[in-house]
Amino acid sequence: MKKAFFILVALLCVLSLAGVATAAERVRVKQITGEVAAVDAAAKSMTVKGKKAEVVIAIDEKTAVKMDKEKKSLADVKVGEKVTVKYAEIEGKNVGRTIEIKTAKAEKKGTEPSKATEPAKPAPKQVKPGY
């Protein structure tokens, strides 16, 4: 009976450690939208200034850079551009997953107030003399 109890306890310990290992592997993806404050191509990083803070994003080979669904590279990202970056904190570093460069066309889309059109006025009737 004692032998079975110890085997059960050992099995539970192994399973609990496996659960902790898988929980540590889960990565939470965050997002920031803002203006590019700095780009360092040599260090493969960029700084994005959001509403609340500035975030330094590390760029790796898995980071996808896009502009209007077209693939780009870190060299195409310029200081002052508006971007949306999805990143994950891995070993204390914010590693970029996707960088979407906002174009002027995309920024204006949906921000321009809709103009209410007035109903068309009927043309005045022309009265011909003699009838």
C-alpha atoms as a PDB file:
ATOM      1  CA  MET A   1       0.000   0.000   0.000  1.00  0.00           C
ATOM      2  CA  LYS A   2       2.823   2.394   0.874  1.00  0.00           C
ATOM      3  CA  LYS A   3       4.555   1.614  -2.409  1.00  0.00           C
ATOM      4  CA  ALA A   4       1.437   2.492  -4.425  1.00  0.00           C
ATOM      5  CA  PHE A   5       1.016   5.714  -2.432  1.00  0.00           C
ATOM      6  CA  PHE A   6       4.601   6.817  -3.157  1.00  0.00           C
ATOM      7  CA  ILE A   7       4.199   6.019  -6.857  1.00  0.00           C
ATOM      8  CA  LEU A   8       1.011   8.091  -6.950  1.00  0.00           C
ATOM      9  CA  VAL A   9       2.693  11.029  -5.185  1.00  0.00           C
ATOM     10  CA  ALA A  10       5.692  10.845  -7.541  1.00  0.00           C
ATOM     11  CA  LEU A  11       3.375  10.789 -10.556  1.00  0.00           C
ATOM     12  CA  LEU A  12       1.485  13.848  -9.275  1.00  0.00           C
ATOM     13  CA  CYS A  13       4.785  15.719  -8.752  1.00  0.00           C
ATOM     14  CA  VAL A  14       5.906  14.985 -12.312  1.00  0.00           C
ATOM     15  CA  LEU A  15       2.565  16.104 -13.745  1.00  0.00           C
ATOM     16  CA  SER A  16       2.559  19.329 -11.722  1.00  0.00           C
ATOM     17  CA  LEU A  17       6.069  20.201 -12.924  1.00  0.00           C
ATOM     18  CA  ALA A  18       5.010  19.561 -16.523  1.00  0.00           C
ATOM     19  CA  GLY A  19       2.070  21.922 -16.009  1.00  0.00           C
ATOM     20  CA  VAL A  20       4.381  24.660 -14.731  1.00  0.00           C
ATOM     21  CA  ALA A  21       6.687  24.226 -17.737  1.00  0.00           C
ATOM     22  CA  THR A  22       3.861  24.603 -20.252  1.00  0.00           C
ATOM     23  CA  ALA A  23       2.491  27.644 -18.412  1.00  0.00           C
ATOM     24  CA  ALA A  24       5.899  29.309 -18.656  1.00  0.00           C
ATOM     25  CA  GLU A  25       5.986  28.721 -22.426  1.00  0.00           C
ATOM     26  CA  ARG A  26       2.757  30.650 -23.008  1.00  0.00           C
ATOM     27  CA  VAL A  27       3.491  34.065 -24.383  1.00  0.00           C
ATOM     28  CA  ARG A  28       1.082  36.929 -24.100  1.00  0.00           C
ATOM     29  CA  VAL A  29       0.944  39.111 -27.204  1.00  0.00           C
ATOM     30  CA  LYS A  30       0.566  42.858 -26.640  1.00  0.00           C
ATOM     31  CA  GLN A  31      -0.144  45.673 -29.087  1.00  0.00           C
ATOM     32  CA  ILE A  32       0.895  49.305 -29.337  1.00  0.00           C
ATOM     33  CA  THR A  33      -0.208  51.915 -31.865  1.00  0.00           C
ATOM     34  CA  GLY A  34       1.772  55.101 -32.169  1.00  0.00           C
ATOM     35  CA  GLU A  35       4.513  57.015 -33.884  1.00  0.00           C
ATOM     36  CA  VAL A  36       7.978  55.632 -34.619  1.00  0.00           C
ATOM     37  CA  ALA A  37      10.408  57.554 -32.388  1.00  0.00           C
ATOM     38  CA  ALA A  38      13.613  55.760 -33.437  1.00  0.00           C
ATOM     39  CA  VAL A  39      14.828  52.971 -35.727  1.00  0.00           C
ATOM     40  CA  ASP A  40      18.159  51.208 -35.169  1.00  0.00           C
ATOM     41  CA  ALA A  41      18.817  48.870 -38.096  1.00  0.00           C
ATOM     42  CA  ALA A  42      22.186  47.738 -36.684  1.00  0.00           C
ATOM     43  CA  ALA A  43      20.641  46.671 -33.368  1.00  0.00           C
ATOM     44  CA  LYS A  44      17.479  45.459 -35.138  1.00  0.00           C
ATOM     45  CA  SER A  45      15.175  47.486 -32.906  1.00  0.00           C
ATOM     46  CA  MET A  46      12.739  50.353 -33.023  1.00  0.00           C
ATOM     47  CA  THR A  47      11.069  52.604 -30.485  1.00  0.00           C
ATOM     48  CA  VAL A  48       7.339  53.314 -30.719  1.00  0.00           C
ATOM     49  CA  LYS A  49       5.815  56.211 -28.799  1.00  0.00           C
ATOM     50  CA  GLY A  50       2.269  55.283 -27.806  1.00  0.00           C
ATOM     51  CA  LYS A  51      -0.331  57.218 -25.831  1.00  0.00           C
ATOM     52  CA  LYS A  52       0.931  55.968 -22.463  1.00  0.00           C
ATOM     53  CA  ALA A  53       4.602  55.095 -22.970  1.00  0.00           C
ATOM     54  CA  GLU A  54       7.479  54.444 -25.309  1.00  0.00           C
ATOM     55  CA  VAL A  55       8.196  50.798 -26.066  1.00  0.00           C
ATOM     56  CA  VAL A  56      11.432  49.448 -27.512  1.00  0.00           C
ATOM     57  CA  ILE A  57      10.700  46.583 -29.904  1.00  0.00           C
ATOM     58  CA  ALA A  58      13.361  44.047 -30.919  1.00  0.00           C
ATOM     59  CA  ILE A  59      13.080  42.776 -34.486  1.00  0.00           C
ATOM     60  CA  ASP A  60      13.977  39.194 -35.402  1.00  0.00           C
ATOM     61  CA  GLU A  61      13.696  37.046 -38.532  1.00  0.00           C
ATOM     62  CA  LYS A  62      10.108  36.089 -37.622  1.00  0.00           C
ATOM     63  CA  THR A  63       8.900  39.710 -37.458  1.00  0.00           C
ATOM     64  CA  ALA A  64       6.576  40.550 -40.360  1.00  0.00           C
ATOM     65  CA  VAL A  65       6.618  44.158 -41.603  1.00  0.00           C
ATOM     66  CA  LYS A  66       3.695  45.178 -43.823  1.00  0.00           C
ATOM     67  CA  MET A  67       2.340  48.268 -45.541  1.00  0.00           C
ATOM     68  CA  ASP A  68      -1.044  47.892 -47.244  1.00  0.00           C
ATOM     69  CA  LYS A  69      -0.701  44.072 -47.262  1.00  0.00           C
ATOM     70  CA  GLU A  70       2.677  44.381 -49.008  1.00  0.00           C
ATOM     71  CA  LYS A  71       5.752  42.860 -47.321  1.00  0.00           C
ATOM     72  CA  LYS A  72       8.388  45.353 -46.236  1.00  0.00           C
ATOM     73  CA  SER A  73      11.551  45.328 -44.119  1.00  0.00           C
ATOM     74  CA  LEU A  74      12.808  47.273 -41.103  1.00  0.00           C
ATOM     75  CA  ALA A  75      14.650  49.583 -43.521  1.00  0.00           C
ATOM     76  CA  ASP A  76      11.247  50.712 -44.847  1.00  0.00           C
ATOM     77  CA  VAL A  77      10.127  51.939 -41.402  1.00  0.00           C
ATOM     78  CA  LYS A  78      10.827  55.669 -41.004  1.00  0.00           C
ATOM     79  CA  VAL A  79      10.860  57.908 -37.935  1.00  0.00           C
ATOM     80  CA  GLY A  80       7.556  59.756 -37.603  1.00  0.00           C
ATOM     81  CA  GLU A  81       5.416  57.113 -39.313  1.00  0.00           C
ATOM     82  CA  LYS A  82       2.327  55.750 -37.616  1.00  0.00           C
ATOM     83  CA  VAL A  83       2.531  52.027 -36.877  1.00  0.00           C
ATOM     84  CA  THR A  84       0.668  49.269 -35.083  1.00  0.00           C
ATOM     85  CA  VAL A  85       2.998  46.697 -33.550  1.00  0.00           C
ATOM     86  CA  LYS A  86       2.057  43.346 -32.047  1.00  0.00           C
ATOM     87  CA  TYR A  87       4.818  42.072 -29.777  1.00  0.00           C
ATOM     88  CA  ALA A  88       5.523  39.479 -27.103  1.00  0.00           C
ATOM     89  CA  GLU A  89       7.672  39.814 -23.998  1.00  0.00           C
ATOM     90  CA  ILE A  90      10.235  37.020 -24.194  1.00  0.00           C
ATOM     91  CA  GLU A  91      13.028  36.790 -21.625  1.00  0.00           C
ATOM     92  CA  GLY A  92      12.607  40.453 -20.701  1.00  0.00           C
ATOM     93  CA  LYS A  93      12.667  41.734 -24.305  1.00  0.00           C
ATOM     94  CA  ASN A  94       9.732  42.987 -26.348  1.00  0.00           C
ATOM     95  CA  VAL A  95      10.036  40.976 -29.558  1.00  0.00           C
ATOM     96  CA  GLY A  96       7.998  42.210 -32.519  1.00  0.00           C
ATOM     97  CA  ARG A  97       5.653  39.779 -34.242  1.00  0.00           C
ATOM     98  CA  THR A  98       3.980  42.093 -36.779  1.00  0.00           C
ATOM     99  CA  ILE A  99       4.562  45.725 -37.705  1.00  0.00           C
ATOM    100  CA  GLU A 100       1.871  47.404 -39.766  1.00  0.00           C
ATOM    101  CA  ILE A 101       2.877  50.740 -41.263  1.00  0.00           C
ATOM    102  CA  LYS A 102      -0.095  53.090 -41.579  1.00  0.00           C
ATOM    103  CA  THR A 103      -0.272  55.018 -44.830  1.00  0.00           C
ATOM    104  CA  ALA A 104      -1.840  58.448 -45.151  1.00  0.00           C
ATOM    105  CA  LYS A 105      -4.679  56.873 -47.134  1.00  0.00           C
ATOM    106  CA  ALA A 106      -5.391  54.351 -44.354  1.00  0.00           C
ATOM    107  CA  GLU A 107      -5.287  57.058 -41.677  1.00  0.00           C
ATOM    108  CA  LYS A 108      -7.859  59.218 -43.445  1.00  0.00           C
ATOM    109  CA  LYS A 109     -10.147  56.278 -44.042  1.00  0.00           C
ATOM    110  CA  GLY A 110     -12.952  56.407 -41.511  1.00  0.00           C
ATOM    111  CA  THR A 111     -11.705  59.606 -39.854  1.00  0.00           C
ATOM    112  CA  GLU A 112     -13.256  62.009 -42.317  1.00  0.00           C
ATOM    113  CA  PRO A 113     -16.735  63.089 -41.219  1.00  0.00           C
ATOM    114  CA  SER A 114     -19.454  62.067 -43.610  1.00  0.00           C
ATOM    115  CA  LYS A 115     -21.019  64.928 -45.501  1.00  0.00           C
ATOM    116  CA  ALA A 116     -24.769  64.933 -45.358  1.00  0.00           C
ATOM    117  CA  THR A 117     -26.188  65.560 -48.792  1.00  0.00           C
ATOM    118  CA  GLU A 118     -29.179  67.765 -49.172  1.00  0.00           C
ATOM    119  CA  PRO A 119     -32.111  66.341 -51.087  1.00  0.00           C
ATOM    120  CA  ALA A 120     -32.202  67.525 -54.664  1.00  0.00           C
ATOM    121  CA  LYS A 121     -34.677  70.315 -55.298  1.00  0.00           C
ATOM    122  CA  PRO A 122     -36.982  69.786 -58.257  1.00  0.00           C
ATOM    123  CA  ALA A 123     -36.383  72.087 -61.211  1.00  0.00           C
ATOM    124  CA  PRO A 124     -38.899  74.929 -61.459  1.00  0.00           C
ATOM    125  CA  LYS A 125     -41.649  74.380 -63.995  1.00  0.00           C
ATOM    126  CA  GLN A 126     -41.348  76.353 -67.145  1.00  0.00           C
ATOM    127  CA  VAL A 127     -44.580  77.840 -68.301  1.00  0.00           C
ATOM    128  CA  LYS A 128     -44.905  78.401 -72.022  1.00  0.00           C
ATOM    129  CA  PRO A 129     -47.019  81.368 -73.028  1.00  0.00           C
ATOM    130  CA  GLY A 130     -50.223  80.648 -74.866  1.00  0.00           C
ATOM    131  CA  TYR A 131     -51.137  77.382 -73.412  1.00  0.00           C
END
